[in-house]
Amino acid sequence: MTESAPVRLGVDVGGTNTDAVVLRAHRIVGVAKARTSADVHSGIVAAVRIALDAARMRATDVAAVMIGTTQFTNAFVQAKALNRVGVIRLAYPASTAIPPFSDWPARLAGAVDGGARILPGGYEFDGRELNGFDAGAVRDVVSEFAGRGIRAVAISSAFAPLNRAMEDRAASLVRERLPDAHVSLSADFGRIGLLERENAAIMNAALADVASSVVAAYGTALGQIGLRCPLFISQNDGTVMSASEAARYPVLTFASGPTNSMRGAAMLAGVGEGIVVDIGGTTTDVGFLQHGFPRESSLSVDIGGVRTNFRMPDILSIGIGGGSRVLDGPDVRVGPDSVGSDIVTRALIFGGDTLTATDVAVAAGIADIGDRSRVRHLSAALIDAALHAIRGGVEEAIDRMKTESASVPAILVGGGRIIVEGDLRGVAPAIVPEHYAVANALGAAMGQAGGETDRCFDYERMSRDEVLAEARREATERAVESGAVAATVRITDVEEVPLAYLPGRTVRVRVRAVGDMKLEAAASRPEAAR
């Protein structure tokens, strides 16, 4: 460890606890865990102050703060404070059969649907125009939105990932009439697949006001502590984006919590390939590590019942956690109901009246928290049955995430890890690293800059080697543009998918690159010297 190395502060805001980790030169020098407060932000302040005290550092020593949050996901799923969104789809006449919002749950559509219009435009798979762009039609629709008070607009176009020109032109026309509107373009989010990509753009626009207020509140909270360094927000691929980018693209934070836990677990255990089991208060998330990053889902992902196709980690969640209710009877059941953040008042070991998985772990002697005398009355049969149910649920989830029968290492992290002990079927070994309870905050602190390209190429026009070289170059350039040190950028994922339903030898190529963030040590920053 060098004293001149930049100090990173990682924060993860969970449903029960807010965790913080101080990291210098890839070494943990301070950790903290505080109750997540009702206003969220005072919990962040408490955790950060404790972590800095533990590291014996001042706020001015910190070069960057990385925050992982579920607030945007929760706001969308719960339909809280969402904007009404006007939707412009540039694809007429090819896509009129399924209009925007067709596959949305009624509750969410009712909160977000601000009207949708399908206009001429869009492209074919090879970049040719599907239909010409009609500027007059776009202006008419924008005037209609303005008359109804719509201030958030989502724009989608057929095959926009290949050519976004029409989406950009439409966005310029929206801003001419509505200069203060939040405009989300599908090309910034999803991949090939119009409906799913369009949904991602709508979701992003719906969260515009929530994102602006949350990011501003984070800045205020950190300012109270005296932190004047850059603020970054975790994305769901293990990289980070600036606070201003997070305010513009909040959907890219969805599922960043499990991603952070997996990244942190990989570092703590020194394992780049294997299974991560992140046990929280309500659920257990199981994912697969590849090159130290979560394996990405190749399927459409539902968020609150809305189907999307933007990048998401391949995570399997089960309703078992430290706060899971244990129901006694002929067949003992654990979860999916949970006391969640109320575990500190409702669990038996804390004086409550609800039997939880944590109570069972304490009664079995595999955990030592709370008042064990309050669970002495539990029978050995109940304890064994509950532990068997917990272990069985976790082992089944692991088996479903594996791609081969051979045993792989499994890393157990998360505050609820105490409910599982010993080896697990199908993995070898089961690893419980030091600082397992704050792997999520560590993963946030480790956030890197990333870049990705996702395009269709015709292998009859370019050789495979030429295509991959171009895709790698594009991904690398985008990582550097996002703030990565060029010398540290590496390709972490290459995917080729032949599109058999299209003519020629068309192949969809996706390449992802990541690199270390450009950060200054606090001692070299002008504000640190003042």
Protein backbone atom coordinates (compact mmCIF):
# COMPACT_ATOMS: atom_id res chain seq x y z
CA MET A 1 0.00 0.00 0.00
CA THR A 2 1.34 3.47 -0.89
CA GLU A 3 0.32 6.63 0.92
CA SER A 4 -0.04 8.42 -2.43
CA ALA A 5 -2.54 5.90 -3.84
CA PRO A 6 -6.02 7.36 -4.42
CA VAL A 7 -8.49 6.56 -1.64
CA ARG A 8 -11.89 5.26 -2.72
CA LEU A 9 -15.02 5.21 -0.61
CA GLY A 10 -17.67 2.64 -1.57
CA VAL A 11 -21.21 2.82 -0.23
CA ASP A 12 -24.07 0.39 -0.70
CA VAL A 13 -27.59 1.38 0.34
CA GLY A 14 -29.55 -1.76 1.16
CA GLY A 15 -33.03 -2.32 2.48
CA THR A 16 -31.77 -3.13 5.99
CA ASN A 17 -28.25 -1.68 6.23
CA THR A 18 -26.09 0.91 4.57
CA ASP A 19 -22.51 -0.34 4.24
CA ALA A 20 -19.34 1.63 3.61
CA VAL A 21 -15.79 0.58 2.73
CA VAL A 22 -12.63 2.69 2.50
CA LEU A 23 -10.22 1.30 -0.08
CA ARG A 24 -6.62 2.31 -0.77
CA ALA A 25 -4.44 0.53 -3.33
CA HIS A 26 -6.82 -2.47 -3.38
CA ARG A 27 -6.59 -2.81 0.41
CA ILE A 28 -9.54 -2.36 2.77
CA VAL A 29 -8.59 0.12 5.51
CA GLY A 30 -12.02 0.85 7.01
CA VAL A 31 -15.50 -0.69 7.04
CA ALA A 32 -18.86 0.26 8.53
CA LYS A 33 -22.45 -0.96 8.67
CA ALA A 34 -25.31 1.34 9.76
CA ARG A 35 -29.10 1.00 9.69
CA THR A 36 -30.61 2.32 6.48
CA SER A 37 -32.60 5.35 7.56
CA ALA A 38 -36.08 6.23 6.39
CA ASP A 39 -34.66 9.21 4.50
CA VAL A 40 -31.72 7.03 3.27
CA HIS A 41 -29.31 9.94 3.34
CA SER A 42 -28.72 10.18 7.10
CA GLY A 43 -27.88 6.46 7.00
CA ILE A 44 -25.25 7.19 4.37
CA VAL A 45 -23.78 9.97 6.51
CA ALA A 46 -23.60 7.67 9.54
CA ALA A 47 -21.95 4.79 7.66
CA VAL A 48 -19.40 7.02 5.93
CA ARG A 49 -18.37 8.73 9.15
CA ILE A 50 -17.87 5.40 10.92
CA ALA A 51 -15.84 4.00 8.00
CA LEU A 52 -13.59 7.07 7.83
CA ASP A 53 -13.02 6.94 11.57
CA ALA A 54 -12.11 3.25 11.31
CA ALA A 55 -9.64 4.08 8.53
CA ARG A 56 -8.28 7.05 10.53
CA MET A 57 -8.85 9.29 7.56
CA ARG A 58 -10.43 12.66 6.90
CA ALA A 59 -13.01 13.42 4.25
CA THR A 60 -10.37 15.40 2.35
CA ASP A 61 -8.29 12.22 1.94
CA VAL A 62 -10.92 10.63 -0.32
CA ALA A 63 -10.39 10.82 -4.09
CA ALA A 64 -13.77 9.43 -5.16
CA VAL A 65 -17.05 8.12 -3.74
CA MET A 66 -18.91 5.24 -5.44
CA ILE A 67 -22.50 4.55 -4.39
CA GLY A 68 -24.58 1.50 -5.21
CA THR A 69 -28.31 2.03 -4.80
CA THR A 70 -31.65 0.30 -5.32
CA GLN A 71 -33.69 3.52 -5.05
CA PHE A 72 -34.33 3.84 -8.78
CA THR A 73 -35.40 0.21 -9.12
CA ASN A 74 -37.67 0.50 -6.10
CA ALA A 75 -39.23 3.74 -7.35
CA PHE A 76 -40.13 2.15 -10.69
CA VAL A 77 -41.41 -1.16 -9.34
CA GLN A 78 -43.51 0.66 -6.73
CA ALA A 79 -44.64 3.31 -9.26
CA LYS A 80 -43.61 6.12 -6.92
CA ALA A 81 -43.19 9.69 -8.21
CA LEU A 82 -42.81 8.57 -11.83
CA ASN A 83 -43.10 11.01 -14.75
CA ARG A 84 -45.73 10.61 -17.40
CA VAL A 85 -43.90 9.84 -20.61
CA GLY A 86 -44.78 10.71 -24.19
CA VAL A 87 -43.49 8.07 -26.60
CA ILE A 88 -42.42 8.58 -30.21
CA ARG A 89 -41.69 5.41 -32.17
CA LEU A 90 -40.03 5.85 -35.57
CA ALA A 91 -40.98 2.65 -37.39
CA TYR A 92 -44.22 3.20 -39.35
CA PRO A 93 -45.66 1.21 -41.03
CA ALA A 94 -43.72 -1.83 -39.81
CA SER A 95 -44.66 -1.90 -36.13
CA THR A 96 -48.24 -0.74 -35.72
CA ALA A 97 -49.60 -4.10 -34.56
CA ILE A 98 -48.03 -3.80 -31.08
CA PRO A 99 -48.05 -0.18 -29.87
CA PRO A 100 -46.00 1.13 -26.92
CA PHE A 101 -47.15 0.05 -23.43
CA SER A 102 -48.90 -3.06 -24.84
CA ASP A 103 -47.04 -5.42 -22.51
CA TRP A 104 -46.97 -3.20 -19.41
CA PRO A 105 -48.87 -4.08 -16.22
CA ALA A 106 -51.95 -1.88 -15.94
CA ARG A 107 -50.73 -0.28 -12.68
CA LEU A 108 -47.44 0.89 -14.20
CA ALA A 109 -48.93 1.87 -17.55
CA GLY A 110 -51.52 3.97 -15.75
CA ALA A 111 -48.76 5.84 -13.91
CA VAL A 112 -46.43 6.36 -16.89
CA ASP A 113 -48.41 6.38 -20.16
CA GLY A 114 -48.52 9.96 -21.41
CA GLY A 115 -49.51 9.05 -24.96
CA ALA A 116 -47.68 7.31 -27.78
CA ARG A 117 -47.41 7.89 -31.53
CA ILE A 118 -45.91 5.68 -34.23
CA LEU A 119 -44.37 7.81 -37.01
CA PRO A 120 -42.51 7.10 -40.25
CA GLY A 121 -38.83 6.30 -39.87
CA GLY A 122 -36.42 3.62 -38.74
CA TYR A 123 -33.87 1.40 -40.43
CA GLU A 124 -33.40 -2.10 -41.75
CA PHE A 125 -30.86 -4.47 -40.18
CA ASP A 126 -28.17 -3.34 -42.64
CA GLY A 127 -28.65 0.38 -42.05
CA ARG A 128 -30.93 1.11 -45.01
CA GLU A 129 -33.91 3.38 -44.28
CA LEU A 130 -37.13 1.57 -43.48
CA ASN A 131 -39.04 4.80 -44.12
CA GLY A 132 -38.13 8.45 -44.44
CA PHE A 133 -37.99 10.74 -41.41
CA ASP A 134 -41.00 13.13 -41.18
CA ALA A 135 -39.92 16.22 -39.23
CA GLY A 136 -43.37 17.81 -39.50
CA ALA A 137 -45.07 14.80 -37.94
CA VAL A 138 -42.59 14.82 -35.07
CA ARG A 139 -43.19 18.54 -34.43
CA ASP A 140 -46.96 17.98 -34.39
CA VAL A 141 -46.67 15.21 -31.80
CA VAL A 142 -44.31 17.25 -29.63
CA SER A 143 -46.79 20.16 -29.70
CA GLU A 144 -49.49 17.74 -28.59
CA PHE A 145 -47.30 16.56 -25.70
CA ALA A 146 -46.54 20.15 -24.72
CA GLY A 147 -50.24 21.01 -24.65
CA ARG A 148 -50.86 18.16 -22.21
CA GLY A 149 -47.98 19.10 -19.92
CA ILE A 150 -45.74 16.14 -20.83
CA ARG A 151 -42.12 16.89 -19.86
CA ALA A 152 -40.53 13.48 -20.36
CA VAL A 153 -40.24 11.90 -23.82
CA ALA A 154 -38.95 8.50 -24.94
CA ILE A 155 -37.91 8.01 -28.56
CA SER A 156 -37.38 4.64 -30.23
CA SER A 157 -36.50 3.67 -33.77
CA ALA A 158 -36.25 0.37 -35.61
CA PHE A 159 -32.64 -0.90 -35.47
CA ALA A 160 -31.45 2.20 -33.63
CA PRO A 161 -28.37 0.37 -32.22
CA LEU A 162 -27.11 0.21 -35.82
CA ASN A 163 -27.99 3.78 -36.74
CA ARG A 164 -29.26 6.30 -34.22
CA ALA A 165 -29.45 9.26 -36.57
CA MET A 166 -33.26 9.46 -36.66
CA GLU A 167 -33.57 9.22 -32.88
CA ASP A 168 -31.06 12.08 -32.56
CA ARG A 169 -32.97 14.20 -35.10
CA ALA A 170 -36.24 13.60 -33.28
CA ALA A 171 -34.61 14.50 -29.96
CA SER A 172 -33.42 17.82 -31.41
CA LEU A 173 -36.97 18.65 -32.49
CA VAL A 174 -38.32 17.77 -29.04
CA ARG A 175 -35.81 20.09 -27.38
CA GLU A 176 -36.71 22.93 -29.75
CA ARG A 177 -40.29 22.88 -28.47
CA LEU A 178 -39.62 21.55 -24.95
CA PRO A 179 -36.13 22.75 -23.97
CA ASP A 180 -36.51 21.52 -20.37
CA ALA A 181 -37.86 18.09 -21.27
CA HIS A 182 -36.03 14.91 -20.31
CA VAL A 183 -35.48 12.95 -23.52
CA SER A 184 -34.50 9.27 -23.47
CA LEU A 185 -33.32 7.53 -26.64
CA SER A 186 -33.58 3.77 -27.01
CA ALA A 187 -30.15 3.62 -28.68
CA ASP A 188 -28.59 4.56 -25.33
CA PHE A 189 -29.96 1.49 -23.54
CA GLY A 190 -31.16 -1.64 -25.21
CA ARG A 191 -29.97 -3.96 -27.91
CA ILE A 192 -31.56 -5.45 -31.00
CA GLY A 193 -35.27 -5.87 -30.24
CA LEU A 194 -37.52 -2.83 -30.64
CA LEU A 195 -40.15 -3.42 -27.94
CA GLU A 196 -37.73 -4.29 -25.14
CA ARG A 197 -35.37 -1.44 -26.05
CA GLU A 198 -38.28 0.98 -26.23
CA ASN A 199 -39.44 -0.14 -22.78
CA ALA A 200 -36.00 0.66 -21.36
CA ALA A 201 -36.15 4.18 -22.80
CA ILE A 202 -39.64 4.73 -21.38
CA MET A 203 -38.57 3.48 -17.96
CA ASN A 204 -35.58 5.81 -18.00
CA ALA A 205 -37.70 8.83 -18.91
CA ALA A 206 -40.22 7.93 -16.20
CA LEU A 207 -37.46 8.08 -13.59
CA ALA A 208 -36.07 11.48 -14.66
CA ASP A 209 -37.32 13.52 -11.71
CA VAL A 210 -36.61 10.76 -9.17
CA ALA A 211 -33.06 10.40 -10.47
CA SER A 212 -32.34 14.13 -10.31
CA SER A 213 -33.58 14.43 -6.73
CA VAL A 214 -31.81 11.28 -5.50
CA VAL A 215 -28.45 12.21 -7.03
CA ALA A 216 -28.74 15.76 -5.67
CA ALA A 217 -29.55 14.40 -2.22
CA TYR A 218 -26.50 12.11 -2.34
CA GLY A 219 -24.34 15.12 -3.13
CA THR A 220 -25.85 17.06 -0.25
CA ALA A 221 -25.31 14.18 2.19
CA LEU A 222 -21.67 13.78 1.19
CA GLY A 223 -21.17 17.53 1.39
CA GLN A 224 -22.33 17.44 5.01
CA ILE A 225 -19.38 15.17 5.78
CA GLY A 226 -16.93 17.43 3.94
CA LEU A 227 -16.45 15.22 0.89
CA ARG A 228 -15.67 17.39 -2.13
CA CYS A 229 -14.43 14.65 -4.44
CA PRO A 230 -16.19 13.24 -7.54
CA LEU A 231 -19.30 11.12 -6.95
CA PHE A 232 -19.94 8.05 -9.07
CA ILE A 233 -22.95 5.70 -9.16
CA SER A 234 -22.65 1.96 -9.76
CA GLN A 235 -23.98 0.50 -12.97
CA ASN A 236 -25.26 -3.04 -13.35
CA ASP A 237 -22.21 -4.31 -15.25
CA GLY A 238 -19.58 -3.65 -12.57
CA THR A 239 -18.60 -0.23 -13.88
CA VAL A 240 -19.52 3.23 -12.62
CA MET A 241 -20.82 6.44 -14.14
CA SER A 242 -20.65 10.03 -12.99
CA ALA A 243 -23.43 11.47 -10.86
CA SER A 244 -24.60 13.60 -13.78
CA GLU A 245 -24.77 10.53 -16.03
CA ALA A 246 -26.73 8.65 -13.37
CA ALA A 247 -29.27 11.47 -13.31
CA ARG A 248 -29.65 11.03 -17.09
CA TYR A 249 -29.54 7.23 -17.24
CA PRO A 250 -30.99 5.83 -13.98
CA VAL A 251 -32.09 2.51 -15.51
CA LEU A 252 -28.44 1.53 -15.92
CA THR A 253 -28.26 1.17 -12.11
CA PHE A 254 -30.89 -1.58 -12.04
CA ALA A 255 -29.45 -4.75 -10.39
CA SER A 256 -26.23 -2.94 -9.47
CA GLY A 257 -26.52 -4.27 -5.91
CA PRO A 258 -26.00 -7.96 -6.80
CA THR A 259 -23.34 -6.93 -9.30
CA ASN A 260 -21.42 -5.03 -6.61
CA SER A 261 -21.63 -8.00 -4.27
CA MET A 262 -20.24 -10.31 -6.93
CA ARG A 263 -17.37 -7.97 -7.78
CA GLY A 264 -16.56 -7.52 -4.11
CA ALA A 265 -16.74 -11.27 -3.49
CA ALA A 266 -14.31 -11.92 -6.35
CA MET A 267 -11.76 -9.55 -4.84
CA LEU A 268 -12.17 -10.79 -1.26
CA ALA A 269 -11.77 -14.43 -2.25
CA GLY A 270 -9.24 -13.94 -5.01
CA VAL A 271 -11.48 -15.93 -7.35
CA GLY A 272 -12.34 -14.86 -10.88
CA GLU A 273 -14.50 -17.82 -11.92
CA GLY A 274 -17.17 -19.43 -9.78
CA ILE A 275 -20.48 -18.97 -7.98
CA VAL A 276 -21.33 -16.06 -5.67
CA VAL A 277 -24.06 -16.54 -3.06
CA ASP A 278 -25.14 -13.15 -1.66
CA ILE A 279 -27.46 -13.68 1.31
CA GLY A 280 -29.33 -10.60 2.44
CA GLY A 281 -32.19 -9.97 4.81
CA THR A 282 -34.99 -10.94 2.43
CA THR A 283 -33.48 -12.76 -0.55
CA THR A 284 -30.43 -14.71 -1.64
CA ASP A 285 -28.95 -13.74 -5.01
CA VAL A 286 -26.89 -16.35 -6.83
CA GLY A 287 -24.75 -15.46 -9.82
CA PHE A 288 -21.83 -16.76 -11.84
CA LEU A 289 -18.46 -15.00 -12.06
CA GLN A 290 -16.60 -14.82 -15.36
CA HIS A 291 -13.24 -13.02 -15.38
CA GLY A 292 -14.20 -11.37 -12.10
CA PHE A 293 -17.47 -9.93 -13.49
CA PRO A 294 -21.03 -11.27 -13.36
CA ARG A 295 -22.14 -13.36 -16.30
CA GLU A 296 -24.64 -11.29 -18.26
CA SER A 297 -28.14 -12.50 -18.93
CA SER A 298 -28.77 -13.50 -22.54
CA LEU A 299 -32.54 -13.29 -22.08
CA SER A 300 -35.02 -10.47 -21.78
CA VAL A 301 -35.35 -9.35 -18.18
CA ASP A 302 -38.56 -8.30 -16.45
CA ILE A 303 -38.45 -5.24 -14.19
CA GLY A 304 -41.72 -4.88 -12.32
CA GLY A 305 -43.40 -6.91 -15.06
CA VAL A 306 -41.96 -4.82 -17.92
CA ARG A 307 -39.74 -6.69 -20.36
CA THR A 308 -36.40 -5.11 -21.27
CA ASN A 309 -33.25 -6.21 -23.09
CA PHE A 310 -30.58 -3.88 -21.80
CA ARG A 311 -27.53 -5.37 -20.08
CA MET A 312 -28.33 -7.14 -16.82
CA PRO A 313 -26.40 -9.65 -14.72
CA ASP A 314 -27.60 -13.24 -14.85
CA ILE A 315 -28.90 -13.46 -11.28
CA LEU A 316 -31.24 -15.97 -9.67
CA SER A 317 -33.01 -14.66 -6.58
CA ILE A 318 -34.75 -16.89 -4.04
CA GLY A 319 -36.88 -15.85 -1.09
CA ILE A 320 -34.47 -16.93 1.64
CA GLY A 321 -32.57 -14.46 3.82
CA GLY A 322 -31.63 -13.64 7.37
CA GLY A 323 -35.05 -12.12 8.03
CA SER A 324 -37.07 -14.91 6.41
CA ARG A 325 -40.00 -16.14 8.49
CA VAL A 326 -39.81 -19.76 9.61
CA LEU A 327 -43.20 -21.47 9.65
CA ASP A 328 -43.44 -24.52 11.89
CA GLY A 329 -45.69 -27.42 11.02
CA PRO A 330 -45.66 -30.82 9.33
CA ASP A 331 -43.46 -29.29 6.62
CA VAL A 332 -41.20 -26.57 7.99
CA ARG A 333 -40.96 -23.67 5.54
CA VAL A 334 -38.44 -20.81 5.39
CA GLY A 335 -39.47 -17.70 3.43
CA PRO A 336 -40.34 -16.15 1.09
CA ASP A 337 -42.02 -13.85 3.64
CA SER A 338 -39.48 -11.77 5.54
CA VAL A 339 -39.42 -9.20 8.31
CA GLY A 340 -36.76 -7.37 6.29
CA SER A 341 -35.29 -4.30 7.96
CA ASP A 342 -37.53 -4.90 11.00
CA ILE A 343 -35.46 -7.91 12.03
CA VAL A 344 -33.80 -5.90 14.83
CA THR A 345 -37.18 -5.53 16.55
CA ARG A 346 -39.20 -8.54 15.37
CA ALA A 347 -36.77 -11.51 15.53
CA LEU A 348 -36.94 -13.59 18.72
CA ILE A 349 -33.28 -12.98 19.59
CA PHE A 350 -33.94 -9.23 19.62
CA GLY A 351 -37.05 -9.45 21.81
CA GLY A 352 -39.61 -9.78 19.04
CA ASP A 353 -42.27 -12.43 18.41
CA THR A 354 -41.40 -13.69 14.93
CA LEU A 355 -39.29 -16.79 14.29
CA THR A 356 -36.73 -16.00 11.60
CA ALA A 357 -33.90 -17.80 9.83
CA THR A 358 -31.42 -15.85 11.95
CA ASP A 359 -33.10 -17.12 15.11
CA VAL A 360 -32.62 -20.67 13.85
CA ALA A 361 -28.94 -20.01 13.09
CA VAL A 362 -28.38 -18.68 16.61
CA ALA A 363 -30.24 -21.61 18.17
CA ALA A 364 -28.10 -24.02 16.14
CA GLY A 365 -24.93 -22.36 17.36
CA ILE A 366 -23.71 -21.30 13.91
CA ALA A 367 -24.28 -17.59 14.66
CA ASP A 368 -23.72 -15.55 17.80
CA ILE A 369 -25.82 -12.39 17.83
CA GLY A 370 -28.71 -11.16 19.95
CA ASP A 371 -29.93 -13.03 23.04
CA ARG A 372 -29.57 -16.77 22.53
CA SER A 373 -31.64 -17.53 25.62
CA ARG A 374 -34.74 -16.42 23.71
CA VAL A 375 -34.45 -19.35 21.29
CA ARG A 376 -33.52 -22.15 23.69
CA HIS A 377 -37.08 -23.45 23.54
CA LEU A 378 -36.79 -24.34 19.83
CA SER A 379 -36.77 -28.10 19.28
CA ALA A 380 -33.86 -29.85 17.63
CA ALA A 381 -36.25 -31.21 14.99
CA LEU A 382 -37.44 -27.71 14.06
CA ILE A 383 -33.89 -26.37 13.91
CA ASP A 384 -32.68 -29.24 11.73
CA ALA A 385 -35.67 -28.99 9.40
CA ALA A 386 -35.27 -25.23 8.98
CA LEU A 387 -31.53 -25.47 8.30
CA HIS A 388 -32.22 -28.25 5.79
CA ALA A 389 -34.76 -26.04 4.00
CA ILE A 390 -32.31 -23.11 3.88
CA ARG A 391 -29.44 -25.24 2.63
CA GLY A 392 -31.67 -27.04 0.12
CA GLY A 393 -32.93 -23.77 -1.35
CA VAL A 394 -29.41 -22.36 -1.73
CA GLU A 395 -28.04 -25.60 -3.23
CA GLU A 396 -30.88 -25.77 -5.76
CA ALA A 397 -30.21 -22.17 -6.82
CA ILE A 398 -26.50 -22.94 -7.23
CA ASP A 399 -27.30 -25.99 -9.35
CA ARG A 400 -29.54 -23.91 -11.62
CA MET A 401 -26.81 -21.32 -12.18
CA LYS A 402 -24.07 -23.81 -13.04
CA THR A 403 -23.35 -24.61 -16.68
CA GLU A 404 -21.57 -27.92 -16.03
CA SER A 405 -21.74 -30.71 -13.48
CA ALA A 406 -18.18 -30.27 -12.16
CA SER A 407 -17.79 -28.59 -8.78
CA VAL A 408 -16.83 -24.91 -8.80
CA PRO A 409 -15.84 -22.61 -5.92
CA ALA A 410 -18.66 -20.74 -4.22
CA ILE A 411 -18.16 -17.49 -2.31
CA LEU A 412 -20.69 -16.74 0.44
CA VAL A 413 -21.18 -13.05 1.23
CA GLY A 414 -23.82 -10.68 2.58
CA GLY A 415 -25.09 -9.84 6.03
CA GLY A 416 -27.33 -12.92 6.06
CA ARG A 417 -24.45 -15.31 5.36
CA ILE A 418 -24.63 -16.49 8.98
CA ILE A 419 -27.66 -18.67 8.21
CA VAL A 420 -25.55 -21.02 6.05
CA GLU A 421 -22.52 -22.92 7.30
CA GLY A 422 -20.25 -25.61 5.91
CA ASP A 423 -19.82 -27.07 2.45
CA LEU A 424 -22.59 -27.00 -0.10
CA ARG A 425 -23.51 -29.68 -2.63
CA GLY A 426 -22.07 -29.03 -6.09
CA VAL A 427 -19.39 -26.56 -5.04
CA ALA A 428 -15.84 -27.02 -3.86
CA PRO A 429 -14.85 -25.24 -1.82
CA ALA A 430 -17.39 -22.98 -0.10
CA ILE A 431 -15.47 -19.80 0.75
CA VAL A 432 -16.44 -17.28 3.44
CA PRO A 433 -13.93 -14.43 3.07
CA GLU A 434 -13.04 -11.76 5.62
CA HIS A 435 -15.32 -8.71 5.34
CA TYR A 436 -17.99 -10.90 3.69
CA ALA A 437 -20.74 -8.71 5.15
CA VAL A 438 -19.66 -5.62 3.18
CA ALA A 439 -18.82 -7.22 -0.17
CA ASN A 440 -21.46 -5.00 -1.79
CA ALA A 441 -19.82 -1.75 -0.68
CA LEU A 442 -16.41 -3.11 -1.68
CA GLY A 443 -17.75 -3.91 -5.14
CA ALA A 444 -18.97 -0.32 -5.44
CA ALA A 445 -15.55 1.02 -4.40
CA MET A 446 -13.88 -1.17 -7.04
CA GLY A 447 -16.01 0.26 -9.85
CA GLN A 448 -14.19 0.65 -13.16
CA ALA A 449 -14.91 2.56 -16.36
CA GLY A 450 -16.40 0.53 -19.17
CA GLY A 451 -17.33 0.63 -22.82
CA GLU A 452 -19.35 -1.63 -25.07
CA THR A 453 -20.19 -2.03 -28.73
CA ASP A 454 -23.16 -4.05 -29.95
CA ARG A 455 -23.58 -4.09 -33.71
CA CYS A 456 -24.57 -6.30 -36.64
CA PHE A 457 -21.90 -7.05 -39.25
CA ASP A 458 -22.00 -8.88 -42.56
CA TYR A 459 -19.15 -11.38 -42.69
CA GLU A 460 -19.41 -11.36 -46.49
CA ARG A 461 -18.32 -7.72 -46.54
CA MET A 462 -15.66 -7.95 -43.82
CA SER A 463 -13.64 -10.89 -42.57
CA ARG A 464 -14.27 -12.16 -39.06
CA ASP A 465 -10.85 -10.92 -37.92
CA GLU A 466 -11.56 -7.44 -39.31
CA VAL A 467 -14.96 -7.33 -37.61
CA LEU A 468 -13.63 -8.38 -34.21
CA ALA A 469 -10.73 -5.94 -34.46
CA GLU A 470 -13.12 -3.07 -35.21
CA ALA A 471 -15.50 -4.08 -32.43
CA ARG A 472 -12.65 -4.34 -29.91
CA ARG A 473 -11.37 -0.92 -30.96
CA GLU A 474 -14.82 0.67 -30.56
CA ALA A 475 -15.34 -0.87 -27.11
CA THR A 476 -11.87 0.22 -25.97
CA GLU A 477 -12.39 3.79 -27.21
CA ARG A 478 -15.71 3.99 -25.37
CA ALA A 479 -14.09 2.76 -22.14
CA VAL A 480 -11.44 5.48 -22.41
CA GLU A 481 -14.14 8.07 -23.14
CA SER A 482 -15.89 6.91 -19.95
CA GLY A 483 -12.78 7.69 -17.89
CA ALA A 484 -10.60 4.58 -18.09
CA VAL A 485 -6.81 4.72 -18.15
CA ALA A 486 -6.00 3.52 -21.68
CA ALA A 487 -3.14 1.28 -20.57
CA THR A 488 -5.41 -0.65 -18.19
CA VAL A 489 -8.29 -1.36 -20.58
CA ARG A 490 -8.94 -5.03 -21.28
CA ILE A 491 -11.62 -6.90 -23.21
CA THR A 492 -13.78 -8.88 -20.80
CA ASP A 493 -16.44 -10.31 -23.07
CA VAL A 494 -16.84 -11.10 -26.78
CA GLU A 495 -20.09 -12.50 -28.11
CA GLU A 496 -20.95 -13.49 -31.69
CA VAL A 497 -24.52 -14.45 -32.56
CA PRO A 498 -25.31 -15.47 -36.18
CA LEU A 499 -28.66 -14.04 -37.27
CA ALA A 500 -29.94 -16.89 -39.39
CA TYR A 501 -33.21 -15.15 -40.25
CA LEU A 502 -31.41 -12.32 -42.07
CA PRO A 503 -29.81 -12.57 -45.52
CA GLY A 504 -26.09 -13.03 -46.06
CA ARG A 505 -23.79 -13.90 -43.16
CA THR A 506 -25.09 -11.34 -40.71
CA VAL A 507 -23.70 -11.69 -37.20
CA ARG A 508 -24.47 -9.66 -34.12
CA VAL A 509 -21.18 -8.87 -32.35
CA ARG A 510 -21.01 -7.55 -28.81
CA VAL A 511 -17.69 -6.65 -27.17
CA ARG A 512 -17.20 -5.23 -23.69
CA ALA A 513 -14.09 -3.49 -22.33
CA VAL A 514 -13.21 -2.20 -18.85
CA GLY A 515 -10.33 -0.30 -17.33
CA ASP A 516 -9.26 1.42 -14.12
CA MET A 517 -10.68 4.87 -13.41
CA LYS A 518 -8.50 7.96 -13.73
CA LEU A 519 -8.35 9.24 -10.16
CA GLU A 520 -6.06 11.70 -8.45
CA ALA A 521 -4.74 11.03 -4.96
CA ALA A 522 -6.16 13.62 -2.57
CA ALA A 523 -2.72 15.07 -1.82
CA SER A 524 -2.35 16.13 -5.47
CA ARG A 525 -5.73 17.84 -5.72
CA PRO A 526 -5.71 21.64 -5.34
CA GLU A 527 -8.64 21.62 -2.90
CA ALA A 528 -6.79 19.15 -0.64
CA ALA A 529 -3.87 21.54 -0.31
CA ARG A 530 -5.99 24.51 0.69
